[in-house]
Amino acid sequence: MSKTFILLFFSIAILSYAPAFAVEVAPRISDKEIIAGLSDIRGDIKGMKAEINGIRLEIKNLEEKQNIKIDGLRAELRAEMNGLRAEINGLRSEMNARFDDIRWMFSIFITIALVMLGFVLRLQWQMHKEQAQMQTSLETQQDEISFLKNLIEKLLPQRGVL
């Protein structure tokens, strides 16, 4: 049994390294081929650098155009905002003028109401004064009538006497 384990162990070890046997040996490259390949790569790199620099210039030009457009839009917005501010200020002045008119009208209305209230209070005071005078004169007349009645009753004989 130990032989089977040893045989099994070695067979697993050999089979697990099988991919290592599948590697092919690369062909030899000469120095001239390496130098030619490197020069091609360097040329490609220089070409890509030139393209990148061209693209950067295009990006800068586009950014400048965008900045010019943005500045134009900002100027338009500022002009619109200044126009709106002027319009708002005009509307405010109109509104303030209307409020001044309304304030003036309310002042006149309040003045007229106070004058009318003064007249009403004066009339009421006069009526109260006349009523008080009338009441005192009626009280004096009532006292005089009662005095005269008593005097007449005293001077006239009683009904059954004559």
C-alpha atoms as a PDB file:
ATOM      1  CA  MET A   1       0.000   0.000   0.000  1.00  0.00           C
ATOM      2  CA  SER A   2       2.834   2.338   0.613  1.00  0.00           C
ATOM      3  CA  LYS A   3       4.005   1.698  -2.955  1.00  0.00           C
ATOM      4  CA  THR A   4       0.634   2.785  -4.306  1.00  0.00           C
ATOM      5  CA  PHE A   5       0.747   5.936  -2.203  1.00  0.00           C
ATOM      6  CA  ILE A   6       4.238   6.752  -3.410  1.00  0.00           C
ATOM      7  CA  LEU A   7       3.251   6.014  -7.001  1.00  0.00           C
ATOM      8  CA  LEU A   8       0.111   8.114  -6.630  1.00  0.00           C
ATOM      9  CA  PHE A   9       2.117  10.950  -5.117  1.00  0.00           C
ATOM     10  CA  PHE A  10       4.663  10.973  -7.944  1.00  0.00           C
ATOM     11  CA  SER A  11       1.985  10.734 -10.621  1.00  0.00           C
ATOM     12  CA  ILE A  12       0.148  13.744  -9.148  1.00  0.00           C
ATOM     13  CA  ALA A  13       3.413  15.695  -8.979  1.00  0.00           C
ATOM     14  CA  ILE A  14       4.229  14.924 -12.626  1.00  0.00           C
ATOM     15  CA  LEU A  15       0.715  15.685 -13.880  1.00  0.00           C
ATOM     16  CA  SER A  16       0.546  19.012 -12.014  1.00  0.00           C
ATOM     17  CA  TYR A  17       3.672  20.275 -13.780  1.00  0.00           C
ATOM     18  CA  ALA A  18       2.398  19.366 -17.241  1.00  0.00           C
ATOM     19  CA  PRO A  19       1.710  23.017 -18.319  1.00  0.00           C
ATOM     20  CA  ALA A  20       5.400  23.739 -17.820  1.00  0.00           C
ATOM     21  CA  PHE A  21       6.209  21.299 -20.585  1.00  0.00           C
ATOM     22  CA  ALA A  22       3.799  23.125 -22.981  1.00  0.00           C
ATOM     23  CA  VAL A  23       5.909  26.298 -23.203  1.00  0.00           C
ATOM     24  CA  GLU A  24       7.664  26.810 -26.511  1.00  0.00           C
ATOM     25  CA  VAL A  25      11.073  28.330 -26.746  1.00  0.00           C
ATOM     26  CA  ALA A  26      11.035  31.790 -28.330  1.00  0.00           C
ATOM     27  CA  PRO A  27      13.122  32.307 -31.445  1.00  0.00           C
ATOM     28  CA  ARG A  28      16.177  34.435 -31.077  1.00  0.00           C
ATOM     29  CA  ILE A  29      15.918  38.091 -32.130  1.00  0.00           C
ATOM     30  CA  SER A  30      18.972  39.861 -33.415  1.00  0.00           C
ATOM     31  CA  ASP A  31      20.207  43.212 -32.146  1.00  0.00           C
ATOM     32  CA  LYS A  32      19.416  44.865 -35.494  1.00  0.00           C
ATOM     33  CA  GLU A  33      15.801  43.785 -35.231  1.00  0.00           C
ATOM     34  CA  ILE A  34      15.612  45.105 -31.641  1.00  0.00           C
ATOM     35  CA  ILE A  35      17.126  48.459 -32.685  1.00  0.00           C
ATOM     36  CA  ALA A  36      14.808  48.707 -35.689  1.00  0.00           C
ATOM     37  CA  GLY A  37      11.806  47.924 -33.467  1.00  0.00           C
ATOM     38  CA  LEU A  38      12.885  50.520 -30.897  1.00  0.00           C
ATOM     39  CA  SER A  39      13.358  53.168 -33.584  1.00  0.00           C
ATOM     40  CA  ASP A  40       9.875  52.382 -34.937  1.00  0.00           C
ATOM     41  CA  ILE A  41       8.470  52.674 -31.414  1.00  0.00           C
ATOM     42  CA  ARG A  42      10.318  55.986 -30.896  1.00  0.00           C
ATOM     43  CA  GLY A  43       8.927  57.282 -34.183  1.00  0.00           C
ATOM     44  CA  ASP A  44       5.437  56.222 -33.201  1.00  0.00           C
ATOM     45  CA  ILE A  45       5.874  57.917 -29.816  1.00  0.00           C
ATOM     46  CA  LYS A  46       7.035  61.147 -31.501  1.00  0.00           C
ATOM     47  CA  GLY A  47       4.026  60.989 -33.836  1.00  0.00           C
ATOM     48  CA  MET A  48       1.666  60.462 -30.893  1.00  0.00           C
ATOM     49  CA  LYS A  49       3.294  63.359 -29.029  1.00  0.00           C
ATOM     50  CA  ALA A  50       2.725  65.562 -32.079  1.00  0.00           C
ATOM     51  CA  GLU A  51      -0.922  64.430 -32.241  1.00  0.00           C
ATOM     52  CA  ILE A  52      -1.334  65.068 -28.509  1.00  0.00           C
ATOM     53  CA  ASN A  53       0.141  68.557 -28.895  1.00  0.00           C
ATOM     54  CA  GLY A  54      -2.229  69.198 -31.820  1.00  0.00           C
ATOM     55  CA  ILE A  55      -5.177  68.028 -29.763  1.00  0.00           C
ATOM     56  CA  ARG A  56      -4.039  70.250 -26.876  1.00  0.00           C
ATOM     57  CA  LEU A  57      -3.941  73.242 -29.237  1.00  0.00           C
ATOM     58  CA  GLU A  58      -7.434  72.402 -30.469  1.00  0.00           C
ATOM     59  CA  ILE A  59      -8.637  72.124 -26.864  1.00  0.00           C
ATOM     60  CA  LYS A  60      -7.076  75.510 -26.047  1.00  0.00           C
ATOM     61  CA  ASN A  61      -8.731  77.060 -29.100  1.00  0.00           C
ATOM     62  CA  LEU A  62     -12.079  75.545 -28.128  1.00  0.00           C
ATOM     63  CA  GLU A  63     -11.660  76.782 -24.550  1.00  0.00           C
ATOM     64  CA  GLU A  64     -10.902  80.291 -25.828  1.00  0.00           C
ATOM     65  CA  LYS A  65     -13.971  80.198 -28.072  1.00  0.00           C
ATOM     66  CA  GLN A  66     -16.074  78.947 -25.168  1.00  0.00           C
ATOM     67  CA  ASN A  67     -14.683  81.697 -22.921  1.00  0.00           C
ATOM     68  CA  ILE A  68     -15.535  84.296 -25.565  1.00  0.00           C
ATOM     69  CA  LYS A  69     -19.075  82.903 -25.839  1.00  0.00           C
ATOM     70  CA  ILE A  70     -19.405  82.781 -22.057  1.00  0.00           C
ATOM     71  CA  ASP A  71     -18.204  86.382 -21.753  1.00  0.00           C
ATOM     72  CA  GLY A  72     -20.736  87.429 -24.389  1.00  0.00           C
ATOM     73  CA  LEU A  73     -23.515  85.627 -22.543  1.00  0.00           C
ATOM     74  CA  ARG A  74     -22.425  87.213 -19.280  1.00  0.00           C
ATOM     75  CA  ALA A  75     -22.516  90.653 -20.890  1.00  0.00           C
ATOM     76  CA  GLU A  76     -26.019  89.935 -22.245  1.00  0.00           C
ATOM     77  CA  LEU A  77     -27.160  88.724 -18.830  1.00  0.00           C
ATOM     78  CA  ARG A  78     -25.740  91.817 -17.163  1.00  0.00           C
ATOM     79  CA  ALA A  79     -27.509  94.037 -19.675  1.00  0.00           C
ATOM     80  CA  GLU A  80     -30.783  92.143 -19.102  1.00  0.00           C
ATOM     81  CA  MET A  81     -30.347  92.350 -15.337  1.00  0.00           C
ATOM     82  CA  ASN A  82     -29.667  96.089 -15.517  1.00  0.00           C
ATOM     83  CA  GLY A  83     -32.748  96.527 -17.697  1.00  0.00           C
ATOM     84  CA  LEU A  84     -34.838  94.525 -15.245  1.00  0.00           C
ATOM     85  CA  ARG A  85     -33.464  96.547 -12.341  1.00  0.00           C
ATOM     86  CA  ALA A  86     -34.380  99.775 -14.112  1.00  0.00           C
ATOM     87  CA  GLU A  87     -37.867  98.433 -14.821  1.00  0.00           C
ATOM     88  CA  ILE A  88     -38.275  97.309 -11.207  1.00  0.00           C
ATOM     89  CA  ASN A  89     -37.131 100.726  -9.969  1.00  0.00           C
ATOM     90  CA  GLY A  90     -39.663 102.384 -12.297  1.00  0.00           C
ATOM     91  CA  LEU A  91     -42.426 100.136 -10.985  1.00  0.00           C
ATOM     92  CA  ARG A  92     -41.368 100.894  -7.427  1.00  0.00           C
ATOM     93  CA  SER A  93     -41.535 104.633  -8.038  1.00  0.00           C
ATOM     94  CA  GLU A  94     -45.000 104.233  -9.609  1.00  0.00           C
ATOM     95  CA  MET A  95     -46.107 102.124  -6.658  1.00  0.00           C
ATOM     96  CA  ASN A  96     -44.733 104.674  -4.187  1.00  0.00           C
ATOM     97  CA  ALA A  97     -46.600 107.437  -6.031  1.00  0.00           C
ATOM     98  CA  ARG A  98     -49.812 105.412  -5.800  1.00  0.00           C
ATOM     99  CA  PHE A  99     -49.254 104.801  -2.116  1.00  0.00           C
ATOM    100  CA  ASP A 100     -48.715 108.540  -1.643  1.00  0.00           C
ATOM    101  CA  ASP A 101     -52.032 109.170  -3.403  1.00  0.00           C
ATOM    102  CA  ILE A 102     -53.761 106.581  -1.251  1.00  0.00           C
ATOM    103  CA  ARG A 103     -52.208 108.071   1.898  1.00  0.00           C
ATOM    104  CA  TRP A 104     -53.391 111.544   0.840  1.00  0.00           C
ATOM    105  CA  MET A 105     -56.916 110.236   0.161  1.00  0.00           C
ATOM    106  CA  PHE A 106     -57.037 108.466   3.529  1.00  0.00           C
ATOM    107  CA  SER A 107     -55.860 111.657   5.222  1.00  0.00           C
ATOM    108  CA  ILE A 108     -58.679 113.602   3.579  1.00  0.00           C
ATOM    109  CA  PHE A 109     -61.192 110.890   4.468  1.00  0.00           C
ATOM    110  CA  ILE A 110     -60.064 110.835   8.106  1.00  0.00           C
ATOM    111  CA  THR A 111     -60.187 114.629   8.281  1.00  0.00           C
ATOM    112  CA  ILE A 112     -63.725 114.712   6.870  1.00  0.00           C
ATOM    113  CA  ALA A 113     -64.795 111.944   9.262  1.00  0.00           C
ATOM    114  CA  LEU A 114     -63.353 113.836  12.236  1.00  0.00           C
ATOM    115  CA  VAL A 115     -65.084 117.080  11.170  1.00  0.00           C
ATOM    116  CA  MET A 116     -68.403 115.247  10.825  1.00  0.00           C
ATOM    117  CA  LEU A 117     -67.880 113.582  14.197  1.00  0.00           C
ATOM    118  CA  GLY A 118     -67.194 117.021  15.698  1.00  0.00           C
ATOM    119  CA  PHE A 119     -70.435 118.388  14.243  1.00  0.00           C
ATOM    120  CA  VAL A 120     -72.403 115.420  15.524  1.00  0.00           C
ATOM    121  CA  LEU A 121     -70.898 115.738  18.996  1.00  0.00           C
ATOM    122  CA  ARG A 122     -71.581 119.529  19.002  1.00  0.00           C
ATOM    123  CA  LEU A 123     -75.198 118.957  18.003  1.00  0.00           C
ATOM    124  CA  GLN A 124     -75.582 116.296  20.644  1.00  0.00           C
ATOM    125  CA  TRP A 125     -74.085 118.592  23.266  1.00  0.00           C
ATOM    126  CA  GLN A 126     -76.438 121.424  22.257  1.00  0.00           C
ATOM    127  CA  MET A 127     -79.434 119.099  22.322  1.00  0.00           C
ATOM    128  CA  HIS A 128     -78.438 117.860  25.754  1.00  0.00           C
ATOM    129  CA  LYS A 129     -77.993 121.459  26.931  1.00  0.00           C
ATOM    130  CA  GLU A 130     -81.417 122.494  25.539  1.00  0.00           C
ATOM    131  CA  GLN A 131     -83.005 119.406  27.046  1.00  0.00           C
ATOM    132  CA  ALA A 132     -81.518 120.243  30.431  1.00  0.00           C
ATOM    133  CA  GLN A 133     -82.830 123.856  30.139  1.00  0.00           C
ATOM    134  CA  MET A 134     -86.219 122.602  29.055  1.00  0.00           C
ATOM    135  CA  GLN A 135     -86.340 120.149  31.923  1.00  0.00           C
ATOM    136  CA  THR A 136     -85.474 122.834  34.477  1.00  0.00           C
ATOM    137  CA  SER A 137     -88.085 125.217  33.020  1.00  0.00           C
ATOM    138  CA  LEU A 138     -90.696 122.430  33.084  1.00  0.00           C
ATOM    139  CA  GLU A 139     -89.821 121.652  36.684  1.00  0.00           C
ATOM    140  CA  THR A 140     -90.176 125.332  37.625  1.00  0.00           C
ATOM    141  CA  GLN A 141     -93.473 125.567  35.737  1.00  0.00           C
ATOM    142  CA  GLN A 142     -94.688 122.423  37.473  1.00  0.00           C
ATOM    143  CA  ASP A 143     -93.738 123.938  40.823  1.00  0.00           C
ATOM    144  CA  GLU A 144     -95.548 127.164  39.908  1.00  0.00           C
ATOM    145  CA  ILE A 145     -98.674 125.282  38.752  1.00  0.00           C
ATOM    146  CA  SER A 146     -98.744 123.235  41.919  1.00  0.00           C
ATOM    147  CA  PHE A 147     -98.314 126.447  43.974  1.00  0.00           C
ATOM    148  CA  LEU A 148    -101.148 128.149  42.087  1.00  0.00           C
ATOM    149  CA  LYS A 149    -103.338 125.086  42.483  1.00  0.00           C
ATOM    150  CA  ASN A 150    -102.727 125.045  46.209  1.00  0.00           C
ATOM    151  CA  LEU A 151    -103.398 128.766  46.390  1.00  0.00           C
ATOM    152  CA  ILE A 152    -106.654 128.419  44.409  1.00  0.00           C
ATOM    153  CA  GLU A 153    -107.756 125.546  46.586  1.00  0.00           C
ATOM    154  CA  LYS A 154    -107.106 127.601  49.650  1.00  0.00           C
ATOM    155  CA  LEU A 155    -108.914 130.694  48.331  1.00  0.00           C
ATOM    156  CA  LEU A 156    -111.914 128.947  46.857  1.00  0.00           C
ATOM    157  CA  PRO A 157    -114.366 127.498  49.301  1.00  0.00           C
ATOM    158  CA  GLN A 158    -114.928 123.811  49.218  1.00  0.00           C
ATOM    159  CA  ARG A 159    -117.649 122.525  46.981  1.00  0.00           C
ATOM    160  CA  GLY A 160    -120.151 121.477  49.460  1.00  0.00           C
ATOM    161  CA  VAL A 161    -119.972 124.722  51.468  1.00  0.00           C
ATOM    162  CA  LEU A 162    -121.689 127.064  49.094  1.00  0.00           C
END
